[in-house]
N, C-alpha and C. Protein backbone atom coordinates (compact mmCIF):
# COMPACT_ATOMS: atom_id res chain seq x y z
N MET A 1 -101.47 49.62 1.64
CA MET A 1 -101.24 50.19 3.10
C MET A 1 -100.79 51.53 3.72
N MET A 2 -101.49 51.34 4.67
CA MET A 2 -101.32 53.21 5.90
C MET A 2 -101.01 52.61 6.71
N LEU A 3 -99.42 53.38 7.22
CA LEU A 3 -99.02 53.07 8.32
C LEU A 3 -99.48 54.66 9.59
N SER A 4 -100.30 53.38 10.43
CA SER A 4 -100.08 54.97 11.45
C SER A 4 -99.40 55.57 11.82
N THR A 5 -99.27 57.06 12.39
CA THR A 5 -98.04 57.94 13.00
C THR A 5 -97.31 56.48 14.22
N SER A 6 -97.78 56.26 14.79
CA SER A 6 -96.98 55.56 15.76
C SER A 6 -96.16 54.26 15.21
N GLU A 7 -96.86 53.53 13.94
CA GLU A 7 -96.03 52.57 13.38
C GLU A 7 -95.17 53.44 12.33
N ASP A 8 -95.73 54.64 12.44
CA ASP A 8 -93.74 54.91 11.07
C ASP A 8 -92.97 55.98 12.32
N ILE A 9 -93.01 56.20 12.97
CA ILE A 9 -92.23 56.65 14.15
C ILE A 9 -91.86 55.61 14.96
N ALA A 10 -92.22 54.88 15.14
CA ALA A 10 -91.76 53.68 15.33
C ALA A 10 -90.54 52.85 14.11
N LEU A 11 -90.76 52.91 13.00
CA LEU A 11 -89.82 52.40 12.18
C LEU A 11 -89.11 53.32 12.45
N LYS A 12 -88.84 54.58 12.34
CA LYS A 12 -88.04 55.74 11.85
C LYS A 12 -87.03 55.12 13.16
N ALA A 13 -87.50 55.21 14.41
CA ALA A 13 -86.76 54.98 15.51
C ALA A 13 -86.06 53.29 15.91
N MET A 14 -86.69 52.57 15.74
CA MET A 14 -85.72 51.65 15.26
C MET A 14 -84.81 51.41 14.29
N ILE A 15 -85.33 52.23 12.91
CA ILE A 15 -84.31 51.60 11.86
C ILE A 15 -82.49 52.68 12.55
N TYR A 16 -82.90 54.12 13.46
CA TYR A 16 -82.09 55.57 13.38
C TYR A 16 -81.48 53.83 14.47
N ILE A 17 -82.32 53.26 15.56
CA ILE A 17 -81.39 52.82 16.91
C ILE A 17 -80.33 51.91 16.14
N SER A 18 -81.07 51.01 14.84
CA SER A 18 -80.08 49.93 14.50
C SER A 18 -78.99 50.73 13.84
N ALA A 19 -78.38 51.54 12.66
CA ALA A 19 -78.30 52.50 12.46
C ALA A 19 -76.50 52.52 13.31
N ALA A 20 -76.89 52.97 14.60
CA ALA A 20 -75.82 53.00 15.61
C ALA A 20 -75.51 51.56 16.23
N ALA A 21 -75.96 50.90 15.96
CA ALA A 21 -75.99 49.03 16.48
C ALA A 21 -74.65 49.35 16.94
N GLY A 22 -74.00 49.27 18.67
CA GLY A 22 -73.28 48.78 18.99
C GLY A 22 -72.21 50.22 19.00
N GLN A 23 -72.00 51.09 18.72
CA GLN A 23 -71.05 52.76 18.85
C GLN A 23 -71.28 53.10 20.57
N SER A 24 -72.92 53.07 20.36
CA SER A 24 -73.36 53.58 21.51
C SER A 24 -74.63 53.80 22.13
N ARG A 25 -75.68 54.28 22.82
CA ARG A 25 -77.23 54.39 22.89
C ARG A 25 -77.15 55.90 23.07
N CYS A 26 -78.31 55.52 21.83
CA CYS A 26 -79.20 56.68 21.47
C CYS A 26 -80.27 57.41 22.08
N SER A 27 -80.17 58.09 22.76
CA SER A 27 -81.15 58.98 23.54
C SER A 27 -82.47 59.39 23.07
N ILE A 28 -82.95 59.61 23.68
CA ILE A 28 -84.09 60.21 23.06
C ILE A 28 -84.46 61.66 22.03
N ASN A 29 -83.18 62.72 22.78
CA ASN A 29 -83.24 64.22 22.03
C ASN A 29 -82.57 63.53 20.68
N GLU A 30 -81.49 62.79 20.68
CA GLU A 30 -80.75 61.55 19.57
C GLU A 30 -81.73 61.46 18.39
N ILE A 31 -82.65 60.99 18.93
CA ILE A 31 -83.51 60.28 18.00
C ILE A 31 -84.52 61.44 17.75
N THR A 32 -85.10 62.01 18.35
CA THR A 32 -85.53 62.87 18.32
C THR A 32 -84.58 64.22 17.79
N GLN A 33 -83.93 64.81 17.66
CA GLN A 33 -83.56 65.64 16.47
C GLN A 33 -83.25 65.36 15.23
N ASN A 34 -82.59 64.04 14.67
CA ASN A 34 -82.72 63.37 14.15
C ASN A 34 -83.26 62.89 13.31
N GLU A 35 -84.60 61.81 13.14
CA GLU A 35 -86.03 61.70 12.36
C GLU A 35 -86.75 62.79 12.90
N LEU A 36 -86.72 63.94 13.64
CA LEU A 36 -88.00 64.87 13.07
C LEU A 36 -89.19 64.53 13.35
N VAL A 37 -89.16 64.08 14.99
CA VAL A 37 -90.51 63.28 15.67
C VAL A 37 -90.40 63.68 16.58
N PRO A 38 -91.63 64.27 17.16
CA PRO A 38 -92.34 64.47 18.65
C PRO A 38 -91.74 63.46 19.85
N ARG A 39 -90.70 64.56 20.53
CA ARG A 39 -90.34 63.89 21.51
C ARG A 39 -91.31 63.22 22.15
N VAL A 40 -92.19 63.69 22.79
CA VAL A 40 -93.31 63.55 23.69
C VAL A 40 -93.82 62.07 23.53
N TYR A 41 -94.63 61.72 22.29
CA TYR A 41 -94.67 60.98 21.60
C TYR A 41 -94.01 59.64 21.07
N LEU A 42 -92.83 59.78 20.84
CA LEU A 42 -91.64 58.91 20.71
C LEU A 42 -91.44 58.41 22.37
N ALA A 43 -90.76 58.82 23.70
CA ALA A 43 -91.19 58.54 24.33
C ALA A 43 -91.87 57.32 24.73
N LYS A 44 -93.31 57.60 24.50
CA LYS A 44 -94.39 56.52 24.23
C LYS A 44 -93.99 55.55 24.15
N ILE A 45 -93.46 55.62 22.69
CA ILE A 45 -93.52 54.65 21.38
C ILE A 45 -92.25 53.31 22.13
N LEU A 46 -91.32 54.62 22.51
CA LEU A 46 -89.74 53.75 22.61
C LEU A 46 -90.28 53.04 23.99
N LYS A 47 -91.02 53.31 24.88
CA LYS A 47 -92.08 52.76 26.22
C LYS A 47 -92.23 51.04 25.37
N ARG A 48 -92.85 51.53 24.49
CA ARG A 48 -93.50 50.03 24.11
C ARG A 48 -93.13 48.87 23.79
N LEU A 49 -92.32 49.20 22.79
CA LEU A 49 -90.96 48.73 21.59
C LEU A 49 -89.85 48.51 23.05
N VAL A 50 -89.83 48.66 24.66
CA VAL A 50 -88.50 47.95 24.90
C VAL A 50 -89.68 46.99 26.14
N GLN A 51 -91.07 47.27 26.22
CA GLN A 51 -91.88 46.19 27.00
C GLN A 51 -91.75 45.46 25.55
N ALA A 52 -92.18 45.25 24.27
CA ALA A 52 -91.83 44.10 23.10
C ALA A 52 -90.27 43.09 23.36
N GLY A 53 -89.64 43.87 23.93
CA GLY A 53 -88.21 43.09 24.06
C GLY A 53 -87.65 43.83 22.22
N LEU A 54 -88.35 44.67 21.95
CA LEU A 54 -87.31 45.03 21.24
C LEU A 54 -85.54 46.26 21.11
N LEU A 55 -85.92 46.52 22.19
CA LEU A 55 -85.30 47.95 22.61
C LEU A 55 -84.80 46.93 24.45
N THR A 56 -83.73 47.73 25.02
CA THR A 56 -83.34 47.83 25.66
C THR A 56 -83.30 49.63 26.12
N SER A 57 -83.38 49.42 27.89
CA SER A 57 -82.79 51.26 27.72
C SER A 57 -82.48 50.97 29.39
N LYS A 58 -81.39 52.66 29.23
CA LYS A 58 -80.65 52.69 30.68
C LYS A 58 -80.76 54.15 30.20
N ARG A 59 -81.07 54.59 31.83
CA ARG A 59 -81.03 55.65 32.24
C ARG A 59 -79.87 56.61 32.05
N GLY A 60 -80.00 57.39 32.97
CA GLY A 60 -78.56 58.89 33.27
C GLY A 60 -78.29 59.25 32.52
N VAL A 61 -77.05 59.63 32.37
CA VAL A 61 -75.94 60.53 31.72
C VAL A 61 -75.60 60.30 29.91
N HIS A 62 -75.31 58.35 30.75
CA HIS A 62 -74.58 57.21 29.56
C HIS A 62 -75.75 56.91 29.04
N GLY A 63 -77.42 57.03 29.60
CA GLY A 63 -78.08 56.23 29.40
C GLY A 63 -78.86 56.26 27.56
N GLY A 64 -79.73 55.75 27.01
CA GLY A 64 -80.49 56.13 26.16
C GLY A 64 -81.14 54.49 25.59
N TYR A 65 -80.89 54.20 24.20
CA TYR A 65 -81.56 53.24 24.04
C TYR A 65 -80.90 52.02 22.77
N ARG A 66 -80.88 51.06 22.80
CA ARG A 66 -79.67 49.80 22.26
C ARG A 66 -80.99 48.28 22.07
N LEU A 67 -80.69 48.25 20.28
CA LEU A 67 -81.62 47.34 20.09
C LEU A 67 -81.37 45.46 21.49
N ALA A 68 -82.53 45.51 21.73
CA ALA A 68 -82.59 43.94 22.23
C ALA A 68 -82.11 43.35 22.15
N LYS A 69 -82.19 43.02 20.32
CA LYS A 69 -81.66 41.39 19.72
C LYS A 69 -81.38 41.53 17.89
N LYS A 70 -81.03 41.15 17.41
CA LYS A 70 -79.55 41.33 16.77
C LYS A 70 -80.81 41.64 15.41
N ARG A 71 -80.23 42.95 14.10
CA ARG A 71 -80.90 43.34 13.18
C ARG A 71 -81.83 42.35 12.47
N ASN A 72 -81.20 41.07 13.07
CA ASN A 72 -81.85 39.67 11.62
C ASN A 72 -83.17 39.37 12.50
N GLU A 73 -83.37 39.56 13.68
CA GLU A 73 -84.34 39.17 14.08
C GLU A 73 -85.29 40.30 14.62
N ILE A 74 -85.48 40.93 14.47
CA ILE A 74 -86.34 42.73 14.56
C ILE A 74 -86.96 42.08 12.70
N SER A 75 -87.93 42.46 12.97
CA SER A 75 -88.56 42.34 11.75
C SER A 75 -89.52 43.93 11.19
N PHE A 76 -89.93 44.27 10.35
CA PHE A 76 -91.13 45.39 10.59
C PHE A 76 -92.04 45.56 10.98
N LEU A 77 -92.55 43.57 10.84
CA LEU A 77 -94.12 43.52 11.36
C LEU A 77 -94.44 43.39 12.61
N SER A 78 -92.44 42.51 13.34
CA SER A 78 -92.68 43.12 14.74
C SER A 78 -92.38 44.10 15.72
N ILE A 79 -92.27 45.67 14.64
CA ILE A 79 -92.80 46.63 15.37
C ILE A 79 -93.61 47.28 15.15
N ILE A 80 -94.55 46.99 14.08
CA ILE A 80 -95.82 47.64 13.76
C ILE A 80 -95.99 47.00 15.01
N GLU A 81 -96.36 45.31 15.44
CA GLU A 81 -97.25 44.95 16.50
C GLU A 81 -96.98 45.30 17.56
N ALA A 82 -95.37 45.37 17.61
CA ALA A 82 -95.27 46.29 19.31
C ALA A 82 -95.93 47.39 19.99
N VAL A 83 -96.33 48.22 18.46
CA VAL A 83 -96.71 49.43 18.89
C VAL A 83 -97.97 49.79 18.41
N ASP A 84 -98.47 49.07 18.02
CA ASP A 84 -100.28 49.12 17.67
C ASP A 84 -100.81 47.73 17.86
N GLY A 85 -100.17 46.17 18.01
CA GLY A 85 -100.82 44.94 18.20
C GLY A 85 -101.19 44.58 16.55
N PRO A 86 -101.90 43.67 16.74
CA PRO A 86 -101.87 42.76 15.32
C PRO A 86 -102.56 43.88 14.13
N PHE A 87 -101.25 43.07 13.50
CA PHE A 87 -101.01 44.32 11.94
C PHE A 87 -102.55 43.85 11.42
N ARG A 88 -103.51 44.90 10.54
CA ARG A 88 -104.30 44.73 10.54
C ARG A 88 -104.18 46.07 8.37
N SER A 89 -104.37 45.21 7.56
CA SER A 89 -104.46 45.84 6.82
C SER A 89 -105.58 46.77 5.76
N MET A 90 -105.83 47.59 5.59
CA MET A 90 -107.27 47.89 4.64
C MET A 90 -107.52 47.24 4.10
N VAL A 91 -106.86 46.18 3.73
CA VAL A 91 -107.79 44.59 3.12
C VAL A 91 -108.50 43.94 3.31
N GLU A 92 -108.07 43.96 4.68
CA GLU A 92 -108.87 42.65 5.70
C GLU A 92 -110.23 43.33 5.87
N HIS A 93 -111.78 44.09 5.69
CA HIS A 93 -112.72 44.14 6.62
C HIS A 93 -112.62 45.46 5.85
N ASP A 94 -113.82 45.00 5.24
CA ASP A 94 -114.50 46.34 4.28
C ASP A 94 -115.32 47.31 5.68
N ASP A 95 -115.18 48.52 6.40
CA ASP A 95 -115.14 48.96 7.76
C ASP A 95 -116.23 50.08 7.02
N ILE A 96 -116.10 50.29 5.99
CA ILE A 96 -117.41 51.54 5.36
C ILE A 96 -118.45 51.14 4.94
N HIS A 97 -118.47 49.93 4.73
CA HIS A 97 -120.75 49.45 4.65
C HIS A 97 -120.41 48.04 5.75
N ASP A 98 -118.87 47.92 6.51
CA ASP A 98 -119.02 46.77 7.91
C ASP A 98 -119.59 45.57 7.47
N ILE A 99 -119.23 44.82 6.33
CA ILE A 99 -119.17 43.63 5.77
C ILE A 99 -118.06 43.12 6.09
N PRO A 100 -118.15 42.32 6.73
CA PRO A 100 -116.61 41.12 6.57
C PRO A 100 -116.20 40.27 6.00
N GLN A 101 -114.85 40.13 6.45
CA GLN A 101 -113.97 39.57 4.51
C GLN A 101 -115.09 38.62 4.02
N ASN A 102 -114.97 37.49 4.66
CA ASN A 102 -115.67 36.42 4.58
C ASN A 102 -116.64 36.82 3.27
N ASN A 103 -117.19 37.70 3.43
CA ASN A 103 -119.00 37.93 3.13
C ASN A 103 -118.59 38.77 2.09
N HIS A 104 -117.60 39.22 2.05
CA HIS A 104 -116.82 39.96 0.35
C HIS A 104 -116.37 39.45 -0.45
N PRO A 105 -117.75 40.27 -1.79
CA PRO A 105 -116.98 38.93 -2.83
C PRO A 105 -115.76 38.69 -3.42
N ALA A 106 -114.80 39.72 -2.96
CA ALA A 106 -113.09 40.08 -3.40
C ALA A 106 -112.74 39.48 -1.84
N SER A 107 -113.53 38.75 -1.48
CA SER A 107 -112.20 38.58 0.06
C SER A 107 -111.05 37.58 -0.33
N LYS A 108 -111.88 36.58 -1.24
CA LYS A 108 -110.31 35.14 -1.19
C LYS A 108 -108.65 36.71 -1.82
N VAL A 109 -108.87 37.55 -3.01
CA VAL A 109 -107.94 38.31 -3.31
C VAL A 109 -107.66 39.26 -2.73
N LEU A 110 -108.80 40.05 -2.37
CA LEU A 110 -107.72 40.23 -0.45
C LEU A 110 -107.43 39.74 0.56
N GLY A 111 -107.58 38.91 1.04
CA GLY A 111 -107.39 37.89 1.90
C GLY A 111 -105.95 37.41 1.99
N ASP A 112 -105.76 37.12 -0.06
CA ASP A 112 -104.26 36.65 -0.16
C ASP A 112 -103.20 38.32 -0.30
N MET A 113 -103.86 39.42 -0.70
CA MET A 113 -102.67 40.14 -0.86
C MET A 113 -102.51 40.48 1.07
N HIS A 114 -103.64 40.49 1.83
CA HIS A 114 -103.25 40.60 3.29
C HIS A 114 -102.06 39.78 3.63
N LYS A 115 -101.97 38.09 3.48
CA LYS A 115 -101.45 37.67 3.70
C LYS A 115 -99.73 37.80 3.31
N ARG A 116 -100.10 38.26 1.37
CA ARG A 116 -98.62 38.61 1.13
C ARG A 116 -97.28 39.64 1.76
N LEU A 117 -98.68 40.86 2.00
CA LEU A 117 -98.03 41.90 2.68
C LEU A 117 -97.38 41.09 4.88
N THR A 118 -98.27 40.32 4.56
CA THR A 118 -97.46 40.34 6.39
C THR A 118 -96.46 39.74 5.90
N ASP A 119 -96.86 38.66 5.13
CA ASP A 119 -94.92 37.74 4.91
C ASP A 119 -94.29 38.31 4.70
N LYS A 120 -94.23 39.26 3.77
CA LYS A 120 -93.48 40.16 3.11
C LYS A 120 -92.88 41.34 4.30
N MET A 121 -93.77 41.30 5.42
CA MET A 121 -92.93 42.84 6.34
C MET A 121 -92.37 41.92 7.76
N SER A 122 -92.71 40.57 7.44
CA SER A 122 -92.38 39.23 8.33
C SER A 122 -90.93 39.35 7.97
N LYS A 123 -90.46 38.63 7.08
CA LYS A 123 -88.86 39.12 6.42
C LYS A 123 -88.70 40.11 5.99
N MET A 124 -88.61 40.99 6.42
CA MET A 124 -88.08 42.62 6.34
C MET A 124 -87.47 42.90 7.46
N THR A 125 -86.30 42.78 7.33
CA THR A 125 -85.30 42.76 9.12
C THR A 125 -84.72 44.24 9.21
N LEU A 126 -84.51 44.36 10.06
CA LEU A 126 -83.56 45.63 9.62
C LEU A 126 -81.84 44.59 9.20
N ASN A 127 -81.89 44.18 9.53
CA ASN A 127 -80.33 43.65 8.88
C ASN A 127 -80.04 43.85 7.08
N LYS A 128 -81.38 44.27 6.89
CA LYS A 128 -81.45 43.70 5.27
C LYS A 128 -81.32 46.23 5.00
N ILE A 129 -81.24 46.86 5.54
CA ILE A 129 -81.33 48.08 5.15
C ILE A 129 -79.96 48.63 4.68
N ASN A 130 -80.08 49.44 4.09
CA ASN A 130 -78.27 50.13 4.03
C ASN A 130 -78.36 51.15 4.62
N TYR A 131 -77.49 51.19 5.60
CA TYR A 131 -77.53 51.75 6.37
C TYR A 131 -76.02 53.31 6.67
N LYS A 132 -75.50 52.51 5.73
CA LYS A 132 -73.98 53.79 4.91
C LYS A 132 -75.01 55.09 3.70
N ARG A 133 -75.82 54.25 3.21
CA ARG A 133 -76.35 55.29 2.07
C ARG A 133 -77.22 56.31 3.37
N PHE A 134 -77.86 55.93 4.03
CA PHE A 134 -79.10 56.98 5.31
C PHE A 134 -78.28 57.56 5.99
N TYR A 135 -77.34 56.95 6.69
CA TYR A 135 -76.88 57.65 7.91
C TYR A 135 -75.15 57.20 7.98
N PRO A 136 -74.63 58.22 6.97
CA PRO A 136 -73.06 58.36 6.78
C PRO A 136 -72.31 58.45 7.88
N GLU A 137 -72.98 58.88 9.07
CA GLU A 137 -72.42 59.64 10.38
C GLU A 137 -72.16 57.94 10.97
N PHE A 138 -73.02 56.71 10.50
CA PHE A 138 -72.60 55.80 11.69
C PHE A 138 -71.75 54.88 10.70
N LYS A 139 -70.49 55.00 10.85
CA LYS A 139 -69.83 53.58 10.14
C LYS A 139 -70.06 52.07 10.55
């Protein structure tokens, strides 16, 4: 599986915001500095996450971003699909030869792999991360 740049940045931002959950809103500058992601690109991704109902945003001096749902209600799959649409794994289609999945000799195996990956990502939620290990500054 290969994540797009948008998906990678979205996951980093959501995990950071989740780590700070309840303490304060996270500003775009704070996320940019701590996760080392480009600010302009992050702004576009955060907007998509707000539109998808995964984040809330507030403007102003005390503004920023906060989770719109509980951690256990936000899966990695929902984050990925919020920024790039329906999830497509590399095993879903042989783009090199333009062979649809159902005509490919390995389609059953590849289809099963895609399903397992999708299921796994839908079960991996933000509450399953050990935040203390990665973000000791948030208690």
